[in-house]
Amino acid sequence: MQLADLSARSTALPHDPHFRVVTAPAFTRERLADLAAGRCAALRVPDVLPAASCAEILRALESSPFEAYGRQRVQPPVMRFGVGVSDHRESGAIARSYWPAVAASRAAWDRLGLPYDPFALCREALGADWPGGVSVGRRNGRELAPGVAREPNNGFQVHFDEALREFREDLLDAPLVAQFAFNLYLSVPDSGGETVLWRHRWHPADEAHRLPGSYGYAETVVAGAESVEITPTVGEALLLDPRNFHAVRPSSGARRIALGFSMGLSVTGELLTWG
């Protein structure tokens, strides 16, 4: 099977042929398996949502207040509508505050009055060719948040995401064997806002580069690592392996807003999401 590498720029040599961004017309079982197995670093699928639907969701969000992630931990500030489990982590476990926040988030999304659930549409696109589709993950039988709308106009610091390291026990009832990060772009900036992905996973020595009190690291942590840079487009979905260090560059002009959530492949073969 041959897969085309499109719209990504490699910035370092020597090149790992498996560290590539694959652009495809749809998410298929084979392509998801490639990402899980490490045969590629990210998948891009254009036009997962039509521009009209992206504009409709944006109009609904315009009158809704976005909140910042925890400002002590996340600098520069990143705005979001909805709840993420990362702000409700306590001593390596999900804090009790998460569950009422999930309920409040679901109610806030319902108040937007959209005739569909945007996150359900994303899950349908991801799971169209996967046995059993894609479902929202559960912890002790309780469904986690389906996702958030994020606006990182000032960028994301260099970081990685891995539930195995962030939580002392399995995050979901079904243990995970692979983890992904999903974004679907509702609007993109006039300049900047690129996602940068490095061929580097966490090593204990990396903690020397962690920014004080932050989720992120100084960019020296990925010095010399191979990288790809991905410029988002409206309606496009990006699925990447977030165990590789990654960042979002600051942007200017139009707002950079994306629907986002984490997704994992479980030991049961299920694809499960969480916000």
Protein backbone atom coordinates (compact mmCIF):
# COMPACT_ATOMS: atom_id res chain seq x y z
CA MET A 1 0.00 0.00 0.00
CA GLN A 2 1.40 3.39 -1.00
CA LEU A 3 0.34 6.57 0.77
CA ALA A 4 1.03 10.07 -0.48
CA ASP A 5 2.84 12.61 1.67
CA LEU A 6 1.28 16.01 0.94
CA SER A 7 1.24 19.56 2.35
CA ALA A 8 3.91 19.05 5.00
CA ARG A 9 7.46 20.30 5.02
CA SER A 10 10.30 18.25 6.45
CA THR A 11 12.85 20.42 8.23
CA ALA A 12 15.61 18.04 9.31
CA LEU A 13 17.81 15.27 7.99
CA PRO A 14 18.37 12.34 8.03
CA HIS A 15 14.80 11.40 7.20
CA ASP A 16 12.78 8.62 8.82
CA PRO A 17 10.49 7.31 6.02
CA HIS A 18 7.83 6.49 8.59
CA PHE A 19 7.80 10.03 10.00
CA ARG A 20 5.44 11.51 7.45
CA VAL A 21 2.12 13.28 7.17
CA VAL A 22 -0.36 11.40 4.99
CA THR A 23 -3.19 13.23 3.22
CA ALA A 24 -6.14 11.03 2.24
CA PRO A 25 -9.78 11.47 1.16
CA ALA A 26 -11.13 9.66 4.24
CA PHE A 27 -10.16 7.93 7.46
CA THR A 28 -9.92 4.23 6.73
CA ARG A 29 -9.12 1.23 8.86
CA GLU A 30 -5.76 0.79 7.12
CA ARG A 31 -4.72 4.40 7.61
CA LEU A 32 -5.73 4.42 11.28
CA ALA A 33 -3.78 1.20 11.77
CA ASP A 34 -0.75 2.81 10.10
CA LEU A 35 -0.89 5.71 12.55
CA ALA A 36 -1.28 3.40 15.54
CA ALA A 37 1.63 1.24 14.39
CA GLY A 38 3.94 4.19 13.73
CA ARG A 39 4.03 3.85 9.94
CA CYS A 40 3.12 7.53 9.75
CA ALA A 41 3.09 10.48 12.15
CA ALA A 42 -0.21 12.15 11.22
CA LEU A 43 -3.24 11.87 8.94
CA ARG A 44 -4.93 14.78 7.16
CA VAL A 45 -8.40 14.51 5.64
CA PRO A 46 -9.73 17.62 3.85
CA ASP A 47 -13.38 18.68 3.85
CA VAL A 48 -14.54 16.45 6.71
CA LEU A 49 -17.05 19.22 7.40
CA PRO A 50 -18.24 21.51 4.59
CA ALA A 51 -17.40 25.19 4.90
CA ALA A 52 -21.08 26.00 5.47
CA SER A 53 -21.21 23.73 8.52
CA CYS A 54 -17.99 25.21 9.90
CA ALA A 55 -19.47 28.70 9.50
CA GLU A 56 -22.69 27.60 11.21
CA ILE A 57 -20.80 26.27 14.24
CA LEU A 58 -18.69 29.42 14.37
CA ARG A 59 -21.78 31.65 14.36
CA ALA A 60 -23.20 29.64 17.26
CA LEU A 61 -19.93 30.04 19.17
CA GLU A 62 -19.60 33.79 18.55
CA SER A 63 -21.96 34.71 21.38
CA SER A 64 -20.55 32.11 23.74
CA PRO A 65 -17.87 32.92 26.32
CA PHE A 66 -14.56 31.12 25.87
CA GLU A 67 -12.53 30.42 29.00
CA ALA A 68 -8.78 30.02 29.41
CA TYR A 69 -7.10 26.80 30.39
CA GLY A 70 -5.49 27.05 33.82
CA ARG A 71 -3.31 30.15 33.43
CA GLN A 72 -0.67 29.00 35.92
CA ARG A 73 -0.03 25.92 33.81
CA VAL A 74 -0.85 27.12 30.27
CA GLN A 75 1.03 30.18 29.02
CA PRO A 76 0.55 31.90 26.68
CA PRO A 77 -3.21 31.63 27.34
CA VAL A 78 -5.26 29.23 25.24
CA MET A 79 -9.01 29.83 25.07
CA ARG A 80 -11.57 27.05 24.91
CA PHE A 81 -15.32 26.38 24.92
CA GLY A 82 -16.03 23.13 26.70
CA VAL A 83 -14.10 21.10 29.23
CA GLY A 84 -10.91 19.07 29.05
CA VAL A 85 -9.72 16.52 31.58
CA SER A 86 -6.26 18.12 31.68
CA ASP A 87 -7.62 20.94 33.87
CA HIS A 88 -9.17 18.42 36.27
CA ARG A 89 -6.22 16.22 37.12
CA GLU A 90 -5.27 15.77 40.76
CA SER A 91 -2.42 13.58 42.01
CA GLY A 92 -2.48 11.55 38.82
CA ALA A 93 -6.24 10.95 38.87
CA ILE A 94 -9.39 12.61 37.52
CA ALA A 95 -10.48 15.19 40.09
CA ARG A 96 -14.05 15.17 41.37
CA SER A 97 -14.52 18.62 39.84
CA TYR A 98 -14.36 17.11 36.35
CA TRP A 99 -17.78 15.45 36.39
CA PRO A 100 -19.88 18.55 37.19
CA ALA A 101 -17.77 20.44 34.64
CA VAL A 102 -18.67 17.80 32.01
CA ALA A 103 -22.37 18.23 32.78
CA ALA A 104 -22.09 22.02 32.57
CA SER A 105 -20.17 21.76 29.29
CA ARG A 106 -22.79 19.50 27.71
CA ALA A 107 -25.52 21.95 28.74
CA ALA A 108 -23.54 24.86 27.25
CA TRP A 109 -23.15 23.06 23.93
CA ASP A 110 -26.88 22.23 23.93
CA ARG A 111 -27.69 25.92 24.41
CA LEU A 112 -25.94 26.74 21.14
CA GLY A 113 -29.02 25.35 19.39
CA LEU A 114 -27.16 23.53 16.64
CA PRO A 115 -29.29 20.93 14.79
CA TYR A 116 -26.51 18.34 15.19
CA ASP A 117 -23.70 17.40 17.56
CA PRO A 118 -20.42 18.57 15.95
CA PHE A 119 -18.37 16.03 17.89
CA ALA A 120 -20.67 13.21 16.79
CA LEU A 121 -20.05 14.23 13.17
CA CYS A 122 -16.31 14.05 13.80
CA ARG A 123 -16.62 10.61 15.40
CA GLU A 124 -18.69 9.40 12.46
CA ALA A 125 -15.99 10.52 10.02
CA LEU A 126 -13.26 8.85 12.06
CA GLY A 127 -15.15 5.58 12.50
CA ALA A 128 -16.84 5.19 9.13
CA ASP A 129 -14.52 2.31 8.21
CA TRP A 130 -13.69 1.06 11.73
CA PRO A 131 -15.56 -1.97 13.14
CA GLY A 132 -17.92 -0.62 15.78
CA GLY A 133 -17.24 3.02 14.89
CA VAL A 134 -15.95 5.53 17.44
CA SER A 135 -17.48 6.12 20.87
CA VAL A 136 -16.89 8.49 23.78
CA GLY A 137 -14.78 6.78 26.42
CA ARG A 138 -15.95 5.96 29.93
CA ARG A 139 -14.34 5.98 33.36
CA ASN A 140 -16.05 3.77 35.94
CA GLY A 141 -19.01 3.63 33.58
CA ARG A 142 -19.33 7.44 33.31
CA GLU A 143 -18.94 9.04 29.89
CA LEU A 144 -16.15 11.59 29.61
CA ALA A 145 -16.52 14.92 27.81
CA PRO A 146 -16.78 14.62 24.01
CA GLY A 147 -14.37 17.45 23.24
CA VAL A 148 -13.72 21.19 23.19
CA ALA A 149 -13.51 24.11 20.78
CA ARG A 150 -9.98 25.53 21.19
CA GLU A 151 -8.58 28.90 20.16
CA PRO A 152 -4.76 29.00 20.54
CA ASN A 153 -4.18 32.31 18.78
CA ASN A 154 -0.99 32.79 20.80
CA GLY A 155 0.12 29.24 20.12
CA PHE A 156 0.80 26.12 22.18
CA GLN A 157 4.18 25.51 23.82
CA VAL A 158 6.20 22.47 22.78
CA HIS A 159 4.66 19.51 24.64
CA PHE A 160 3.49 15.92 24.36
CA ASP A 161 0.25 14.22 25.43
CA GLU A 162 0.16 10.70 26.81
CA ALA A 163 -2.49 9.47 29.24
CA LEU A 164 -0.18 6.67 30.35
CA ARG A 165 2.19 9.25 31.86
CA GLU A 166 -0.40 11.80 32.96
CA PHE A 167 -2.55 9.41 34.99
CA ARG A 168 -1.33 6.82 37.48
CA GLU A 169 -4.07 4.36 36.43
CA ASP A 170 -5.82 3.65 33.14
CA LEU A 171 -7.76 6.76 32.17
CA LEU A 172 -10.56 4.77 30.53
CA ASP A 173 -12.32 1.57 31.53
CA ALA A 174 -10.76 -0.06 28.47
CA PRO A 175 -6.94 0.25 28.69
CA LEU A 176 -5.27 1.99 25.76
CA VAL A 177 -2.54 0.70 23.46
CA ALA A 178 -2.27 3.83 21.28
CA GLN A 179 -3.29 7.47 21.60
CA PHE A 180 -4.17 10.13 19.02
CA ALA A 181 -5.05 13.83 19.02
CA PHE A 182 -7.86 15.04 16.73
CA ASN A 183 -8.52 18.56 15.46
CA LEU A 184 -11.05 19.79 12.94
CA TYR A 185 -10.50 23.39 11.85
CA LEU A 186 -13.54 25.68 11.87
CA SER A 187 -11.53 28.81 11.04
CA VAL A 188 -7.88 29.46 10.27
CA PRO A 189 -5.72 32.58 10.69
CA ASP A 190 -4.41 34.83 7.97
CA SER A 191 -0.86 33.90 8.93
CA GLY A 192 0.82 31.56 11.39
CA GLY A 193 -1.03 28.90 13.36
CA GLU A 194 0.97 25.99 11.94
CA THR A 195 1.16 22.71 13.83
CA VAL A 196 4.73 21.51 14.21
CA LEU A 197 5.41 17.85 14.96
CA TRP A 198 8.84 16.53 15.98
CA ARG A 199 10.16 13.00 15.78
CA HIS A 200 10.91 12.93 19.49
CA ARG A 201 9.11 11.21 22.34
CA TRP A 202 9.54 11.93 26.01
CA HIS A 203 12.76 10.89 27.71
CA PRO A 204 13.54 11.50 31.41
CA ALA A 205 16.35 13.87 30.42
CA ASP A 206 13.74 16.09 28.75
CA GLU A 207 12.62 17.35 32.16
CA ALA A 208 15.67 19.59 32.24
CA HIS A 209 13.95 21.58 29.45
CA ARG A 210 10.52 21.86 31.08
CA LEU A 211 9.34 25.43 31.63
CA PRO A 212 8.78 26.18 35.36
CA GLY A 213 5.23 25.29 36.45
CA SER A 214 4.18 24.68 32.85
CA TYR A 215 2.80 21.88 30.75
CA GLY A 216 5.34 22.85 28.09
CA TYR A 217 9.04 22.67 27.33
CA ALA A 218 11.63 25.01 25.90
CA GLU A 219 12.16 24.28 22.22
CA THR A 220 15.70 23.16 23.02
CA VAL A 221 14.08 19.84 24.02
CA VAL A 222 13.66 19.00 20.31
CA ALA A 223 16.92 20.52 19.05
CA GLY A 224 18.11 18.54 16.03
CA ALA A 225 14.98 16.37 15.82
CA GLU A 226 13.31 15.82 12.47
CA SER A 227 10.08 17.81 12.14
CA VAL A 228 7.13 18.51 9.90
CA GLU A 229 5.04 21.67 9.74
CA ILE A 230 1.34 21.52 8.91
CA THR A 231 -0.74 24.54 7.86
CA PRO A 232 -4.44 24.01 8.65
CA THR A 233 -7.33 24.57 6.25
CA VAL A 234 -11.03 25.11 7.01
CA GLY A 235 -13.02 21.88 7.30
CA GLU A 236 -9.90 19.73 7.42
CA ALA A 237 -9.33 17.11 10.12
CA LEU A 238 -5.88 16.34 11.47
CA LEU A 239 -5.17 13.19 13.48
CA LEU A 240 -1.68 12.83 14.93
CA ASP A 241 0.28 10.79 17.42
CA PRO A 242 0.59 13.25 20.34
CA ARG A 243 3.29 11.19 22.04
CA ASN A 244 5.60 12.97 19.61
CA PHE A 245 6.44 16.44 20.87
CA HIS A 246 4.36 19.06 19.07
CA ALA A 247 3.43 22.74 19.18
CA VAL A 248 1.21 25.35 17.54
CA ARG A 249 2.80 28.55 16.27
CA PRO A 250 1.27 31.94 17.16
CA SER A 251 -1.08 33.37 14.56
CA SER A 252 -2.54 36.69 13.43
CA GLY A 253 -5.62 37.89 11.61
CA ALA A 254 -8.66 35.61 11.69
CA ARG A 255 -9.27 33.43 14.74
CA ARG A 256 -7.83 29.91 14.76
CA ILE A 257 -10.63 27.74 16.18
CA ALA A 258 -10.76 23.95 16.03
CA LEU A 259 -12.89 21.20 17.47
CA GLY A 260 -10.57 18.92 19.38
CA PHE A 261 -10.42 15.78 21.47
CA SER A 262 -8.16 12.87 22.32
CA MET A 263 -8.75 9.40 20.92
CA GLY A 264 -7.31 6.06 21.90
CA LEU A 265 -7.21 2.54 20.52
CA SER A 266 -8.11 0.17 23.35
CA VAL A 267 -7.10 -3.41 24.07
CA THR A 268 -10.64 -4.36 23.03
CA GLY A 269 -10.10 -2.89 19.55
CA GLU A 270 -12.41 0.06 20.25
CA LEU A 271 -11.68 3.65 19.21
CA LEU A 272 -12.60 5.86 22.17
CA THR A 273 -12.51 9.64 22.58
CA TRP A 274 -12.34 12.04 25.50
CA GLY A 275 -12.14 15.77 26.09
